[in-house]
Amino acid sequence: MSAGRPTGAGKARRGPSLPRRLARPLGLVAHWMPVWVPLVLLCQIGLLGLRPALSENLRLAERERVLGERYERHLARRTELDLLLRALDDPVYQERLRRIEQEGGGARAGK
């Protein structure tokens, strides 16, 4: 042993040896990083992004079908109301309605 070294110098060497123990596993992790990082991202997209998006897509497709049916019913009703409005603006139709009401009212009063 050399006289210039303290006896605790062997223990001081253990501190830097910890990173040497981790160097090989960290090297393997770094070496395979181009493989596992995309895999982790794909899993995250699949579990947190794609499944909810697909279920939302199904839900919205059903809502689109329901709204389409409602829209068609409203268009049919609008057509009916437009025809009624045009008829009510027609003087011939108004006169016919007036006569029907008079005849219906007179028949009811006589009975």
Protein backbone atom coordinates (compact mmCIF):
# COMPACT_ATOMS: atom_id res chain seq x y z
CA MET A 1 0.00 0.00 0.00
CA SER A 2 1.14 3.46 -0.65
CA ALA A 3 1.60 5.78 2.22
CA GLY A 4 -0.18 8.70 0.50
CA ARG A 5 -3.52 7.00 0.31
CA PRO A 6 -5.92 6.94 3.19
CA THR A 7 -7.37 3.59 4.17
CA GLY A 8 -10.93 4.65 3.21
CA ALA A 9 -10.00 5.15 -0.45
CA GLY A 10 -11.42 1.72 -1.38
CA LYS A 11 -14.84 2.71 -0.11
CA ALA A 12 -14.74 5.93 -2.11
CA ARG A 13 -14.48 3.90 -5.31
CA ARG A 14 -17.84 2.23 -4.72
CA GLY A 15 -19.69 5.49 -5.41
CA PRO A 16 -18.71 5.71 -9.10
CA SER A 17 -19.24 1.96 -9.58
CA LEU A 18 -23.06 2.38 -9.26
CA PRO A 19 -23.34 4.10 -12.65
CA ARG A 20 -21.17 1.32 -14.09
CA ARG A 21 -23.73 -1.22 -12.86
CA LEU A 22 -26.47 0.77 -14.54
CA ALA A 23 -24.47 1.41 -17.70
CA ARG A 24 -25.32 -1.94 -19.31
CA PRO A 25 -29.10 -1.86 -18.61
CA LEU A 26 -29.29 1.81 -19.60
CA GLY A 27 -27.34 1.00 -22.74
CA LEU A 28 -29.82 -1.74 -23.61
CA VAL A 29 -32.74 0.59 -22.97
CA ALA A 30 -31.16 3.26 -25.15
CA HIS A 31 -30.33 0.69 -27.84
CA TRP A 32 -33.95 -0.56 -28.06
CA MET A 33 -35.51 2.90 -27.65
CA PRO A 34 -36.29 3.26 -31.39
CA VAL A 35 -38.38 0.09 -31.06
CA TRP A 36 -40.25 0.53 -27.80
CA VAL A 37 -41.04 4.25 -28.05
CA PRO A 38 -43.20 3.81 -31.19
CA LEU A 39 -44.79 0.73 -29.62
CA VAL A 40 -45.70 2.71 -26.51
CA LEU A 41 -47.10 5.51 -28.66
CA LEU A 42 -49.16 3.07 -30.73
CA CYS A 43 -50.53 1.48 -27.57
CA GLN A 44 -51.40 4.89 -26.18
CA ILE A 45 -53.14 5.89 -29.40
CA GLY A 46 -54.96 2.57 -29.52
CA LEU A 47 -56.13 2.63 -25.94
CA LEU A 48 -56.63 6.32 -25.30
CA GLY A 49 -57.27 7.70 -28.76
CA LEU A 50 -58.57 5.21 -31.29
CA ARG A 51 -61.13 3.30 -29.22
CA PRO A 52 -62.89 6.39 -27.89
CA ALA A 53 -62.80 7.92 -31.37
CA LEU A 54 -64.37 4.82 -32.91
CA SER A 55 -67.08 4.65 -30.25
CA GLU A 56 -67.77 8.37 -30.76
CA ASN A 57 -67.97 7.73 -34.50
CA LEU A 58 -70.61 5.05 -33.95
CA ARG A 59 -72.58 7.30 -31.62
CA LEU A 60 -72.49 10.18 -34.08
CA ALA A 61 -73.51 7.91 -36.98
CA GLU A 62 -76.60 6.86 -35.01
CA ARG A 63 -77.40 10.48 -34.18
CA GLU A 64 -76.99 11.38 -37.87
CA ARG A 65 -79.52 8.70 -38.82
CA VAL A 66 -82.02 9.92 -36.22
CA LEU A 67 -81.58 13.55 -37.24
CA GLY A 68 -81.94 12.62 -40.91
CA GLU A 69 -85.30 10.99 -40.18
CA ARG A 70 -86.45 14.02 -38.21
CA TYR A 71 -85.32 16.31 -41.01
CA GLU A 72 -87.31 14.33 -43.58
CA ARG A 73 -90.43 14.49 -41.37
CA HIS A 74 -90.01 18.25 -40.96
CA LEU A 75 -89.60 18.71 -44.70
CA ALA A 76 -92.82 16.77 -45.32
CA ARG A 77 -94.64 18.85 -42.70
CA ARG A 78 -93.27 22.05 -44.21
CA THR A 79 -94.56 21.01 -47.64
CA GLU A 80 -98.01 20.40 -46.17
CA LEU A 81 -98.02 23.76 -44.41
CA ASP A 82 -96.82 25.57 -47.53
CA LEU A 83 -99.67 24.02 -49.54
CA LEU A 84 -102.16 25.03 -46.84
CA LEU A 85 -100.80 28.58 -46.79
CA ARG A 86 -101.09 28.84 -50.57
CA ALA A 87 -104.63 27.49 -50.40
CA LEU A 88 -105.63 29.94 -47.68
CA ASP A 89 -104.35 32.82 -49.80
CA ASP A 90 -106.47 31.63 -52.78
CA PRO A 91 -109.79 33.51 -52.96
CA VAL A 92 -111.57 30.56 -54.62
CA TYR A 93 -110.54 28.28 -51.76
CA GLN A 94 -111.65 30.87 -49.21
CA GLU A 95 -115.07 31.10 -50.86
CA ARG A 96 -115.45 27.32 -50.85
CA LEU A 97 -114.56 27.19 -47.16
CA ARG A 98 -117.10 29.94 -46.42
CA ARG A 99 -119.85 28.03 -48.27
CA ILE A 100 -118.98 24.76 -46.54
CA GLU A 101 -119.17 26.48 -43.15
CA GLN A 102 -122.53 28.06 -44.03
CA GLU A 103 -124.00 24.77 -45.26
CA GLY A 104 -122.62 22.86 -42.33
CA GLY A 105 -123.87 25.46 -39.87
CA GLY A 106 -127.38 25.48 -41.40
CA ALA A 107 -127.63 21.70 -41.40
CA ARG A 108 -126.61 21.56 -37.78
CA ALA A 109 -129.12 24.25 -36.78
CA GLY A 110 -131.99 22.37 -38.52
CA LYS A 111 -131.27 19.10 -36.74
